[in-house]
Amino acid sequence: MRRLAPLLPMLLCIAVNSASAAPAVVCAIDMGSNSFRRIVGSFADGRYVETRIESKTLGVGDDVARHGRISDLKLTEISETLAAFHASCQRDGAPGTVAVGTAAFRDAPNGRRVVELASRLGVKMEIATEQRESELAYLVGSLGRDGYAVIDNGSRSIELVARVRGATEFVVFNLGYRIAYEEFFANATDPAVAVAAFRDRLLQEAAKAPFMKGRSALIGVEFQEMAEALFDPAPIEGHRFTSSVLKRRLDQIVASPREFAALKNRRNIDRALPRLVTAVALTDAFGYPAIELTTRQLGVGLIIEAGLRR
């Protein structure tokens, strides 16, 4: 014991430094236009670790479209959900709860009311601008690395974003899966006409984003339901869908109005089909042989951001 005594201060210092270097656990609430997700995780040394995720569908975007604002009934539902999520964050040992609202909250004239409600509950919420949402989407897709192109296909909007040598460029347009399905597919009987019309709109937007070409890889955020509904079961995180595989599946749908009609009765097809067309159109437009999927959600960007600051 006497021989170890001189080493005790050094061992104590190492223990303290190791504890301080441990990645901080963050609880983030992703307040999407369709669903809210509570995500608990940490990020350090380029590695994201998720310990918990739960989701609740609230349909805020639909509510805003119907009422021109967030209705009082929906505000109550949002408040109750945030309160429950915040309590769960505390039980999970997270020191604070952060939240980000996306397109529906930007569009709602009373969106700031939700920020005030969140603050009273102890939740630090922001309503992301288009630039901010794109920056978070980039962190989610790239894990903070430079030189990637990321497509985030949400319910109301699609973000196209890339970063080269620290400079971020982005384009945002309102052709998310909810809008696209209602406009192009819900009432369509000819799949070829519907797909062609949607693809034309996507290519118009893609023409505004030449910065997406020639990056290390093309990453797809929020394409999980496309993979689950339209392809054979397989692990999704990190899965690469080649352009040829995506096109082949879309061609099968386009070639058969009968299959198209049957698909429209399948669960989550409104989430899956527009994303398939988006994946096909944009991998081709930007010249990538494949798109790599991640199951990480937009709120993970807040967790990665916190880890990068440490």
Protein backbone atom coordinates (compact mmCIF):
# COMPACT_ATOMS: atom_id res chain seq x y z
CA MET A 1 0.00 0.00 0.00
CA ARG A 2 2.90 2.33 0.76
CA ARG A 3 4.31 1.73 -2.73
CA LEU A 4 0.99 2.76 -4.31
CA ALA A 5 0.60 5.91 -2.22
CA PRO A 6 2.66 8.18 -4.53
CA LEU A 7 0.51 7.02 -7.44
CA LEU A 8 -2.82 7.88 -5.85
CA PRO A 9 -2.91 11.54 -6.96
CA MET A 10 -2.08 10.49 -10.51
CA LEU A 11 -4.76 7.76 -10.53
CA LEU A 12 -7.29 10.21 -9.10
CA CYS A 13 -6.44 12.74 -11.83
CA ILE A 14 -6.89 10.10 -14.53
CA ALA A 15 -10.27 9.09 -13.05
CA VAL A 16 -11.45 12.71 -12.93
CA ASN A 17 -10.31 13.36 -16.49
CA SER A 18 -12.02 10.17 -17.72
CA ALA A 19 -15.26 11.16 -16.03
CA SER A 20 -15.15 14.63 -17.51
CA ALA A 21 -14.50 13.15 -20.95
CA ALA A 22 -17.53 10.87 -20.79
CA PRO A 23 -20.10 11.85 -23.42
CA ALA A 24 -23.00 13.85 -22.01
CA VAL A 25 -26.47 12.36 -22.30
CA VAL A 26 -28.92 14.70 -24.05
CA CYS A 27 -32.69 14.39 -24.27
CA ALA A 28 -34.05 15.99 -27.45
CA ILE A 29 -37.62 16.31 -28.67
CA ASP A 30 -38.04 16.38 -32.44
CA MET A 31 -41.32 18.26 -32.96
CA GLY A 32 -42.08 17.30 -36.53
CA SER A 33 -45.07 18.45 -38.53
CA ASN A 34 -46.63 15.00 -38.21
CA SER A 35 -44.95 13.23 -35.28
CA PHE A 36 -43.08 14.15 -32.11
CA ARG A 37 -40.11 11.99 -31.08
CA ARG A 38 -38.29 11.93 -27.77
CA ILE A 39 -34.69 10.87 -28.25
CA VAL A 40 -32.09 10.19 -25.58
CA GLY A 41 -28.51 9.77 -26.70
CA SER A 42 -24.93 10.98 -26.70
CA PHE A 43 -22.29 11.85 -29.26
CA ALA A 44 -18.51 11.76 -28.88
CA ASP A 45 -15.52 11.02 -31.13
CA GLY A 46 -17.74 10.74 -34.19
CA ARG A 47 -19.95 8.07 -32.60
CA TYR A 48 -23.64 8.50 -31.84
CA VAL A 49 -25.20 6.25 -29.20
CA GLU A 50 -28.97 6.19 -28.80
CA THR A 51 -30.38 4.85 -25.55
CA ARG A 52 -34.07 5.59 -25.96
CA ILE A 53 -36.60 6.80 -28.52
CA GLU A 54 -40.37 7.12 -28.41
CA SER A 55 -42.81 8.65 -30.83
CA LYS A 56 -46.29 10.14 -30.83
CA THR A 57 -48.28 11.26 -33.87
CA LEU A 58 -49.84 14.71 -33.36
CA GLY A 59 -50.52 15.91 -36.93
CA VAL A 60 -49.64 19.55 -36.25
CA GLY A 61 -49.11 20.23 -39.95
CA ASP A 62 -52.58 18.98 -40.84
CA ASP A 63 -54.03 21.05 -38.01
CA VAL A 64 -52.34 24.20 -39.32
CA ALA A 65 -53.51 23.47 -42.86
CA ARG A 66 -57.08 23.05 -41.62
CA HIS A 67 -57.30 26.05 -39.26
CA GLY A 68 -54.65 28.45 -40.58
CA ARG A 69 -52.99 28.28 -37.15
CA ILE A 70 -52.38 25.79 -34.36
CA SER A 71 -55.81 25.24 -32.86
CA ASP A 72 -56.43 25.54 -29.12
CA LEU A 73 -57.20 21.84 -28.93
CA LYS A 74 -53.89 21.00 -30.60
CA LEU A 75 -52.01 23.42 -28.33
CA THR A 76 -53.36 21.49 -25.35
CA GLU A 77 -52.27 18.18 -26.89
CA ILE A 78 -48.81 19.59 -27.61
CA SER A 79 -48.48 20.88 -24.05
CA GLU A 80 -49.49 17.53 -22.58
CA THR A 81 -47.07 15.67 -24.84
CA LEU A 82 -44.15 17.97 -24.01
CA ALA A 83 -44.88 17.68 -20.29
CA ALA A 84 -44.91 13.88 -20.48
CA PHE A 85 -41.76 13.76 -22.61
CA HIS A 86 -39.94 16.18 -20.28
CA ALA A 87 -40.83 14.06 -17.25
CA SER A 88 -39.47 11.00 -19.07
CA CYS A 89 -36.28 12.88 -19.90
CA GLN A 90 -35.77 13.62 -16.22
CA ARG A 91 -36.37 9.98 -15.31
CA ASP A 92 -33.73 9.03 -17.87
CA GLY A 93 -31.19 11.24 -16.11
CA ALA A 94 -30.80 13.89 -18.80
CA PRO A 95 -29.81 17.26 -17.27
CA GLY A 96 -32.15 19.25 -19.51
CA THR A 97 -34.61 18.87 -22.35
CA VAL A 98 -34.14 20.57 -25.71
CA ALA A 99 -36.64 20.62 -28.55
CA VAL A 100 -36.87 21.75 -32.15
CA GLY A 101 -40.02 22.52 -34.13
CA THR A 102 -39.99 22.29 -37.92
CA ALA A 103 -42.10 23.41 -40.90
CA ALA A 104 -45.56 23.40 -39.29
CA PHE A 105 -44.35 25.66 -36.48
CA ARG A 106 -42.64 28.00 -38.95
CA ASP A 107 -45.85 28.25 -40.94
CA ALA A 108 -48.21 28.74 -38.00
CA PRO A 109 -48.78 32.42 -37.09
CA ASN A 110 -49.03 31.36 -33.43
CA GLY A 111 -46.01 29.08 -33.49
CA ARG A 112 -44.24 31.19 -30.85
CA ARG A 113 -47.04 30.29 -28.46
CA VAL A 114 -45.67 26.76 -28.38
CA VAL A 115 -42.19 28.06 -27.50
CA GLU A 116 -43.76 29.86 -24.52
CA LEU A 117 -45.66 26.74 -23.45
CA ALA A 118 -42.48 24.68 -23.69
CA SER A 119 -40.50 27.19 -21.65
CA ARG A 120 -43.05 27.07 -18.83
CA LEU A 121 -42.66 23.29 -18.78
CA GLY A 122 -38.87 23.52 -18.56
CA VAL A 123 -38.24 22.58 -22.19
CA LYS A 124 -35.82 24.73 -24.20
CA MET A 125 -37.52 24.85 -27.60
CA GLU A 126 -36.58 26.55 -30.83
CA ILE A 127 -38.49 26.88 -34.08
CA ALA A 128 -35.92 26.07 -36.72
CA THR A 129 -35.55 28.35 -39.71
CA GLU A 130 -35.07 26.60 -43.03
CA GLN A 131 -31.33 27.12 -42.68
CA ARG A 132 -31.26 25.80 -39.12
CA GLU A 133 -33.31 22.73 -40.02
CA SER A 134 -30.97 22.05 -42.93
CA GLU A 135 -27.92 22.36 -40.69
CA LEU A 136 -29.39 19.90 -38.19
CA ALA A 137 -30.33 17.51 -41.00
CA TYR A 138 -26.74 17.65 -42.22
CA LEU A 139 -25.42 16.74 -38.77
CA VAL A 140 -27.86 13.83 -38.61
CA GLY A 141 -26.83 12.45 -41.98
CA SER A 142 -23.10 13.09 -41.79
CA LEU A 143 -22.38 12.76 -38.03
CA GLY A 144 -20.64 16.09 -38.36
CA ARG A 145 -18.23 15.05 -41.11
CA ASP A 146 -17.47 17.31 -44.03
CA GLY A 147 -18.15 16.59 -47.69
CA TYR A 148 -21.52 14.81 -47.69
CA ALA A 149 -24.84 15.49 -49.42
CA VAL A 150 -27.98 14.91 -47.34
CA ILE A 151 -31.67 14.62 -48.27
CA ASP A 152 -34.12 14.99 -45.38
CA ASN A 153 -37.60 13.96 -46.57
CA GLY A 154 -40.05 15.07 -43.87
CA SER A 155 -43.83 15.24 -43.90
CA ARG A 156 -44.11 18.86 -45.08
CA SER A 157 -40.72 19.80 -46.48
CA ILE A 158 -37.62 18.34 -48.10
CA GLU A 159 -34.18 19.68 -47.23
CA LEU A 160 -31.25 19.32 -49.64
CA VAL A 161 -28.01 20.22 -47.87
CA ALA A 162 -24.27 19.74 -48.34
CA ARG A 163 -21.18 21.02 -46.57
CA VAL A 164 -17.75 21.49 -48.08
CA ARG A 165 -14.80 22.87 -46.11
CA GLY A 166 -17.18 24.03 -43.39
CA ALA A 167 -19.50 25.96 -45.73
CA THR A 168 -23.11 24.74 -45.76
CA GLU A 169 -25.43 25.19 -48.74
CA PHE A 170 -29.09 24.20 -48.74
CA VAL A 171 -32.42 24.30 -50.55
CA VAL A 172 -35.77 23.69 -48.83
CA PHE A 173 -39.08 23.13 -50.61
CA ASN A 174 -42.56 22.06 -49.49
CA LEU A 175 -42.93 18.69 -51.18
CA GLY A 176 -42.75 16.46 -48.11
CA TYR A 177 -44.49 13.11 -48.23
CA ARG A 178 -47.85 14.33 -46.83
CA ILE A 179 -48.13 17.13 -49.37
CA ALA A 180 -46.82 15.00 -52.24
CA TYR A 181 -49.15 12.08 -51.58
CA GLU A 182 -52.24 14.26 -51.41
CA GLU A 183 -51.31 16.27 -54.52
CA PHE A 184 -50.02 13.52 -56.80
CA PHE A 185 -51.11 10.08 -55.61
CA ALA A 186 -54.19 10.03 -53.38
CA ASN A 187 -56.71 10.45 -56.21
CA ALA A 188 -54.60 9.13 -59.08
CA THR A 189 -55.52 6.02 -61.06
CA ASP A 190 -52.61 6.00 -63.53
CA PRO A 191 -49.33 5.53 -61.60
CA ALA A 192 -47.18 6.52 -64.59
CA VAL A 193 -48.85 9.92 -64.85
CA ALA A 194 -48.68 10.52 -61.09
CA VAL A 195 -45.02 9.53 -60.80
CA ALA A 196 -44.01 11.59 -63.85
CA ALA A 197 -45.75 14.71 -62.52
CA PHE A 198 -44.14 14.40 -59.09
CA ARG A 199 -40.71 13.64 -60.57
CA ASP A 200 -40.92 16.75 -62.77
CA ARG A 201 -41.57 18.91 -59.71
CA LEU A 202 -38.68 17.30 -57.84
CA LEU A 203 -36.30 17.88 -60.74
CA GLN A 204 -37.28 21.56 -60.87
CA GLU A 205 -36.21 21.89 -57.24
CA ALA A 206 -33.09 19.76 -57.71
CA ALA A 207 -31.92 22.14 -60.42
CA LYS A 208 -31.56 24.78 -57.68
CA ALA A 209 -29.11 22.60 -55.75
CA PRO A 210 -26.03 21.89 -57.90
CA PHE A 211 -23.96 21.81 -54.69
CA MET A 212 -25.42 18.35 -54.00
CA LYS A 213 -23.35 16.78 -56.79
CA GLY A 214 -19.96 15.13 -56.39
CA ARG A 215 -19.88 14.65 -52.61
CA SER A 216 -18.48 11.69 -50.68
CA ALA A 217 -21.90 10.05 -50.43
CA LEU A 218 -25.60 10.80 -50.63
CA ILE A 219 -27.35 10.21 -47.29
CA GLY A 220 -31.11 9.82 -46.88
CA VAL A 221 -32.79 10.95 -43.66
CA GLU A 222 -36.43 9.93 -43.00
CA PHE A 223 -36.56 7.17 -45.62
CA GLN A 224 -37.14 4.35 -43.14
CA GLU A 225 -40.81 3.85 -43.99
CA MET A 226 -39.98 3.65 -47.70
CA ALA A 227 -37.62 0.76 -46.97
CA GLU A 228 -40.05 -1.00 -44.65
CA ALA A 229 -43.15 -0.71 -46.83
CA LEU A 230 -41.74 -1.29 -50.30
CA PHE A 231 -38.69 -3.56 -49.91
CA ASP A 232 -37.85 -6.88 -48.29
CA PRO A 233 -37.10 -6.66 -44.56
CA ALA A 234 -33.46 -5.76 -43.91
CA PRO A 235 -31.45 -3.66 -41.45
CA ILE A 236 -31.97 -0.03 -42.44
CA GLU A 237 -29.21 1.87 -40.67
CA GLY A 238 -26.36 2.31 -43.15
CA HIS A 239 -28.16 0.31 -45.85
CA ARG A 240 -27.27 1.43 -49.40
CA PHE A 241 -30.06 1.31 -51.95
CA THR A 242 -28.53 1.38 -55.40
CA SER A 243 -30.13 3.54 -58.03
CA SER A 244 -30.92 0.46 -60.12
CA VAL A 245 -32.74 -1.27 -57.23
CA LEU A 246 -34.81 1.84 -56.52
CA LYS A 247 -35.70 2.30 -60.19
CA ARG A 248 -36.65 -1.36 -60.59
CA ARG A 249 -39.10 -1.16 -57.68
CA LEU A 250 -40.63 2.06 -58.97
CA ASP A 251 -40.93 0.61 -62.49
CA GLN A 252 -42.89 -2.34 -61.04
CA ILE A 253 -45.39 0.05 -59.51
CA VAL A 254 -45.65 2.23 -62.60
CA ALA A 255 -46.19 -0.78 -64.87
CA SER A 256 -49.19 -2.08 -62.93
CA PRO A 257 -52.21 0.12 -62.16
CA ARG A 258 -53.58 -2.89 -60.28
CA GLU A 259 -50.56 -3.03 -57.95
CA PHE A 260 -50.74 0.74 -57.58
CA ALA A 261 -54.37 0.52 -56.46
CA ALA A 262 -53.52 -2.29 -54.03
CA LEU A 263 -50.55 -0.39 -52.64
CA LYS A 264 -52.75 2.57 -51.79
CA ASN A 265 -54.50 0.39 -49.22
CA ARG A 266 -51.25 -0.60 -47.55
CA ARG A 267 -50.25 0.87 -44.19
CA ASN A 268 -47.89 3.86 -44.46
CA ILE A 269 -47.97 3.91 -48.26
CA ASP A 270 -48.57 7.68 -48.07
CA ARG A 271 -45.19 7.92 -46.32
CA ALA A 272 -43.41 5.37 -48.49
CA LEU A 273 -44.39 5.98 -52.11
CA PRO A 274 -43.49 9.69 -52.37
CA ARG A 275 -40.14 8.94 -50.73
CA LEU A 276 -39.41 6.21 -53.27
CA VAL A 277 -40.02 8.64 -56.13
CA THR A 278 -37.86 11.22 -54.34
CA ALA A 279 -35.03 8.72 -53.88
CA VAL A 280 -35.15 7.66 -57.54
CA ALA A 281 -35.39 11.19 -58.93
CA LEU A 282 -32.70 12.75 -56.75
CA THR A 283 -30.07 10.01 -56.87
CA ASP A 284 -30.35 10.28 -60.65
CA ALA A 285 -30.43 14.09 -60.74
CA PHE A 286 -27.34 14.40 -58.54
CA GLY A 287 -25.45 11.54 -60.17
CA TYR A 288 -25.05 9.09 -57.30
CA PRO A 289 -24.96 5.28 -57.75
CA ALA A 290 -26.76 4.80 -54.42
CA ILE A 291 -28.35 6.49 -51.43
CA GLU A 292 -27.32 5.44 -47.91
CA LEU A 293 -30.09 5.48 -45.31
CA THR A 294 -29.98 6.40 -41.66
CA THR A 295 -32.72 5.86 -39.10
CA ARG A 296 -31.49 8.86 -37.08
CA GLN A 297 -34.14 11.57 -36.69
CA LEU A 298 -33.79 15.35 -36.94
CA GLY A 299 -33.68 15.75 -33.15
CA VAL A 300 -30.46 13.75 -33.15
CA GLY A 301 -28.87 16.83 -34.70
CA LEU A 302 -29.28 18.60 -31.34
CA ILE A 303 -27.50 15.72 -29.60
CA ILE A 304 -24.65 15.68 -32.13
CA GLU A 305 -24.35 19.45 -31.88
CA ALA A 306 -24.04 19.22 -28.08
CA GLY A 307 -21.34 16.56 -28.42
CA LEU A 308 -19.35 18.64 -30.92
CA ARG A 309 -19.37 21.59 -28.51
CA ARG A 310 -17.74 19.57 -25.72
